[in-house]
């Protein structure tokens, strides 16, 4: 599936929830389902700058695709990074760099997050695109 197909699927998934409490519960569940990041990557050099919570992100280039793993010490933030991993992982670096992440606005995330969480989400996106750009440069 392409990044846009995944985004469209997420928009559809979120449309089934009637209120933001249900959407938050879904985000928390996504965080619980996030595969565990290898402990060796839970160090300061893998922390995303700009997040109030601790968020570790690791990127690996495998078979022409970027594989992201992540974790956070906060449940909502872990769900947010799980969302980002589900959208951007397993794609070519160039596709990630060029992607327009419209699902964030379309599901209402931007307006329902606190300013610090919204800023953290933007930092996640920025870091994931930076990793992809760096991996793309080495191909």
C-alpha atoms as a PDB file:
ATOM      1  CA  UNK A   1       0.000   0.000   0.000  1.00  0.00           C
ATOM      2  CA  UNK A   2       1.177   3.518  -0.749  1.00  0.00           C
ATOM      3  CA  UNK A   3       1.492   6.210   1.919  1.00  0.00           C
ATOM      4  CA  UNK A   4      -1.666   7.881   0.593  1.00  0.00           C
ATOM      5  CA  UNK A   5      -3.617   4.610   0.646  1.00  0.00           C
ATOM      6  CA  UNK A   6      -2.616   4.091   4.287  1.00  0.00           C
ATOM      7  CA  UNK A   7      -3.608   7.679   5.112  1.00  0.00           C
ATOM      8  CA  UNK A   8      -7.007   7.206   3.428  1.00  0.00           C
ATOM      9  CA  UNK A   9      -7.541   4.005   5.404  1.00  0.00           C
ATOM     10  CA  UNK A  10      -6.734   5.814   8.661  1.00  0.00           C
ATOM     11  CA  UNK A  11      -9.130   8.650   7.784  1.00  0.00           C
ATOM     12  CA  UNK A  12     -11.824   6.034   7.208  1.00  0.00           C
ATOM     13  CA  UNK A  13     -10.979   4.225  10.471  1.00  0.00           C
ATOM     14  CA  UNK A  14     -11.196   7.461  12.464  1.00  0.00           C
ATOM     15  CA  UNK A  15     -14.528   8.397  10.827  1.00  0.00           C
ATOM     16  CA  UNK A  16     -16.191   5.483  12.649  1.00  0.00           C
ATOM     17  CA  UNK A  17     -15.590   7.118  16.041  1.00  0.00           C
ATOM     18  CA  UNK A  18     -18.253   9.552  17.165  1.00  0.00           C
ATOM     19  CA  UNK A  19     -16.239  11.545  19.694  1.00  0.00           C
ATOM     20  CA  UNK A  20     -12.689  12.372  20.622  1.00  0.00           C
ATOM     21  CA  UNK A  21     -12.627  10.152  23.687  1.00  0.00           C
ATOM     22  CA  UNK A  22     -13.148   7.133  21.418  1.00  0.00           C
ATOM     23  CA  UNK A  23     -10.476   8.421  19.025  1.00  0.00           C
ATOM     24  CA  UNK A  24      -8.021   8.844  21.906  1.00  0.00           C
ATOM     25  CA  UNK A  25      -8.762   5.280  23.058  1.00  0.00           C
ATOM     26  CA  UNK A  26      -8.002   4.087  19.510  1.00  0.00           C
ATOM     27  CA  UNK A  27      -4.726   6.052  19.469  1.00  0.00           C
ATOM     28  CA  UNK A  28      -3.769   4.549  22.849  1.00  0.00           C
ATOM     29  CA  UNK A  29      -4.548   1.063  21.492  1.00  0.00           C
ATOM     30  CA  UNK A  30      -2.312   1.714  18.469  1.00  0.00           C
ATOM     31  CA  UNK A  31       0.458   2.588  20.926  1.00  0.00           C
ATOM     32  CA  UNK A  32      -0.095  -0.647  22.837  1.00  0.00           C
ATOM     33  CA  UNK A  33       0.109  -2.595  19.561  1.00  0.00           C
ATOM     34  CA  UNK A  34       3.337  -0.872  18.476  1.00  0.00           C
ATOM     35  CA  UNK A  35       6.122  -3.468  18.179  1.00  0.00           C
ATOM     36  CA  UNK A  36       8.728  -2.931  20.887  1.00  0.00           C
ATOM     37  CA  UNK A  37      11.826  -1.016  19.903  1.00  0.00           C
ATOM     38  CA  UNK A  38      15.087  -2.804  20.602  1.00  0.00           C
ATOM     39  CA  UNK A  39      16.432  -1.640  23.986  1.00  0.00           C
ATOM     40  CA  UNK A  40      19.724  -0.566  22.373  1.00  0.00           C
ATOM     41  CA  UNK A  41      17.807   2.276  20.678  1.00  0.00           C
ATOM     42  CA  UNK A  42      16.324   3.646  23.901  1.00  0.00           C
ATOM     43  CA  UNK A  43      19.253   6.004  24.339  1.00  0.00           C
ATOM     44  CA  UNK A  44      19.528   9.766  24.121  1.00  0.00           C
ATOM     45  CA  UNK A  45      20.836   9.824  20.552  1.00  0.00           C
ATOM     46  CA  UNK A  46      17.539   8.282  19.353  1.00  0.00           C
ATOM     47  CA  UNK A  47      15.312  10.744  21.232  1.00  0.00           C
ATOM     48  CA  UNK A  48      13.224  13.078  19.098  1.00  0.00           C
ATOM     49  CA  UNK A  49      13.995  16.687  19.956  1.00  0.00           C
ATOM     50  CA  UNK A  50      10.915  18.865  20.405  1.00  0.00           C
ATOM     51  CA  UNK A  51       8.763  16.264  22.129  1.00  0.00           C
ATOM     52  CA  UNK A  52       7.728  16.932  25.706  1.00  0.00           C
ATOM     53  CA  UNK A  53       7.561  13.182  26.372  1.00  0.00           C
ATOM     54  CA  UNK A  54      10.447  10.887  25.612  1.00  0.00           C
ATOM     55  CA  UNK A  55      10.103   9.451  22.127  1.00  0.00           C
ATOM     56  CA  UNK A  56      12.755   7.150  20.716  1.00  0.00           C
ATOM     57  CA  UNK A  57      12.874   6.597  16.971  1.00  0.00           C
ATOM     58  CA  UNK A  58      15.125   4.300  14.976  1.00  0.00           C
ATOM     59  CA  UNK A  59      15.276   4.015  11.192  1.00  0.00           C
ATOM     60  CA  UNK A  60      16.799   1.164   9.246  1.00  0.00           C
ATOM     61  CA  UNK A  61      17.224   0.805   5.485  1.00  0.00           C
ATOM     62  CA  UNK A  62      16.247  -2.683   4.387  1.00  0.00           C
ATOM     63  CA  UNK A  63      15.551  -3.895   0.833  1.00  0.00           C
ATOM     64  CA  UNK A  64      15.151  -0.332  -0.446  1.00  0.00           C
ATOM     65  CA  UNK A  65      12.648   0.609   2.235  1.00  0.00           C
ATOM     66  CA  UNK A  66      12.871   2.513   5.521  1.00  0.00           C
ATOM     67  CA  UNK A  67      11.769   0.520   8.558  1.00  0.00           C
ATOM     68  CA  UNK A  68      10.941   2.642  11.599  1.00  0.00           C
ATOM     69  CA  UNK A  69      10.704   1.417  15.170  1.00  0.00           C
ATOM     70  CA  UNK A  70       9.725   3.685  18.029  1.00  0.00           C
ATOM     71  CA  UNK A  71       8.614   3.944  21.643  1.00  0.00           C
ATOM     72  CA  UNK A  72       7.519   6.593  24.110  1.00  0.00           C
ATOM     73  CA  UNK A  73       7.147   6.911  27.856  1.00  0.00           C
ATOM     74  CA  UNK A  74       3.665   8.494  27.461  1.00  0.00           C
ATOM     75  CA  UNK A  75       0.630   6.509  26.271  1.00  0.00           C
ATOM     76  CA  UNK A  76      -0.935   9.101  23.943  1.00  0.00           C
ATOM     77  CA  UNK A  77       2.460  10.021  22.491  1.00  0.00           C
ATOM     78  CA  UNK A  78       3.237   6.338  21.943  1.00  0.00           C
ATOM     79  CA  UNK A  79      -0.037   6.091  20.020  1.00  0.00           C
ATOM     80  CA  UNK A  80       0.878   9.126  17.928  1.00  0.00           C
ATOM     81  CA  UNK A  81       4.277   7.716  17.021  1.00  0.00           C
ATOM     82  CA  UNK A  82       2.567   4.378  16.244  1.00  0.00           C
ATOM     83  CA  UNK A  83       0.325   6.253  13.794  1.00  0.00           C
ATOM     84  CA  UNK A  84       3.354   7.806  12.120  1.00  0.00           C
ATOM     85  CA  UNK A  85       5.208   4.479  11.955  1.00  0.00           C
ATOM     86  CA  UNK A  86       2.149   2.798  10.398  1.00  0.00           C
ATOM     87  CA  UNK A  87       1.992   5.484   7.692  1.00  0.00           C
ATOM     88  CA  UNK A  88       5.683   5.966   6.885  1.00  0.00           C
ATOM     89  CA  UNK A  89       7.411   2.654   7.631  1.00  0.00           C
ATOM     90  CA  UNK A  90       8.102   0.176   4.808  1.00  0.00           C
ATOM     91  CA  UNK A  91       8.338   2.796   2.069  1.00  0.00           C
ATOM     92  CA  UNK A  92      11.183   3.979  -0.118  1.00  0.00           C
ATOM     93  CA  UNK A  93      13.116   6.917   1.363  1.00  0.00           C
ATOM     94  CA  UNK A  94      12.177   9.211  -1.544  1.00  0.00           C
ATOM     95  CA  UNK A  95       8.468   8.418  -1.098  1.00  0.00           C
ATOM     96  CA  UNK A  96       8.699   9.337   2.605  1.00  0.00           C
ATOM     97  CA  UNK A  97      10.562  12.576   1.910  1.00  0.00           C
ATOM     98  CA  UNK A  98       8.004  13.647  -0.710  1.00  0.00           C
ATOM     99  CA  UNK A  99       4.897  12.542   1.205  1.00  0.00           C
ATOM    100  CA  UNK A 100       2.199  15.048   2.113  1.00  0.00           C
ATOM    101  CA  UNK A 101       0.732  13.910   5.445  1.00  0.00           C
ATOM    102  CA  UNK A 102      -2.818  15.171   5.043  1.00  0.00           C
ATOM    103  CA  UNK A 103      -4.407  12.605   7.374  1.00  0.00           C
ATOM    104  CA  UNK A 104      -3.261  14.567  10.450  1.00  0.00           C
ATOM    105  CA  UNK A 105      -5.604  17.452   9.622  1.00  0.00           C
ATOM    106  CA  UNK A 106      -8.353  15.319   8.112  1.00  0.00           C
ATOM    107  CA  UNK A 107      -8.828  13.205  11.247  1.00  0.00           C
ATOM    108  CA  UNK A 108      -8.716  16.380  13.364  1.00  0.00           C
ATOM    109  CA  UNK A 109      -5.537  15.521  15.234  1.00  0.00           C
ATOM    110  CA  UNK A 110      -3.955  18.947  14.899  1.00  0.00           C
ATOM    111  CA  UNK A 111      -6.916  20.714  16.503  1.00  0.00           C
ATOM    112  CA  UNK A 112      -7.478  18.149  19.279  1.00  0.00           C
ATOM    113  CA  UNK A 113      -3.925  17.891  20.558  1.00  0.00           C
ATOM    114  CA  UNK A 114      -2.456  20.206  23.137  1.00  0.00           C
ATOM    115  CA  UNK A 115       0.064  22.659  21.644  1.00  0.00           C
ATOM    116  CA  UNK A 116       2.981  20.675  23.116  1.00  0.00           C
ATOM    117  CA  UNK A 117       1.686  17.362  21.711  1.00  0.00           C
ATOM    118  CA  UNK A 118       0.977  18.953  18.312  1.00  0.00           C
ATOM    119  CA  UNK A 119       4.528  20.327  18.311  1.00  0.00           C
ATOM    120  CA  UNK A 120       5.845  16.881  19.257  1.00  0.00           C
ATOM    121  CA  UNK A 121       3.898  15.298  16.394  1.00  0.00           C
ATOM    122  CA  UNK A 122       5.460  17.764  13.948  1.00  0.00           C
ATOM    123  CA  UNK A 123       8.882  16.925  15.408  1.00  0.00           C
ATOM    124  CA  UNK A 124       8.210  13.209  14.790  1.00  0.00           C
ATOM    125  CA  UNK A 125       7.272  13.867  11.163  1.00  0.00           C
ATOM    126  CA  UNK A 126      10.329  16.082  10.670  1.00  0.00           C
ATOM    127  CA  UNK A 127      12.701  13.493  12.195  1.00  0.00           C
ATOM    128  CA  UNK A 128      11.230  10.629  10.144  1.00  0.00           C
ATOM    129  CA  UNK A 129      11.631  12.646   6.945  1.00  0.00           C
ATOM    130  CA  UNK A 130      15.206  13.596   7.938  1.00  0.00           C
ATOM    131  CA  UNK A 131      16.087   9.918   8.480  1.00  0.00           C
ATOM    132  CA  UNK A 132      14.539   9.054   5.103  1.00  0.00           C
ATOM    133  CA  UNK A 133      16.443  11.885   3.381  1.00  0.00           C
ATOM    134  CA  UNK A 134      19.719  10.740   4.958  1.00  0.00           C
ATOM    135  CA  UNK A 135      19.087   7.124   3.940  1.00  0.00           C
ATOM    136  CA  UNK A 136      18.103   8.256   0.445  1.00  0.00           C
ATOM    137  CA  UNK A 137      21.398  10.128   0.102  1.00  0.00           C
ATOM    138  CA  UNK A 138      23.312   6.921   0.890  1.00  0.00           C
ATOM    139  CA  UNK A 139      21.528   4.787  -1.695  1.00  0.00           C
END
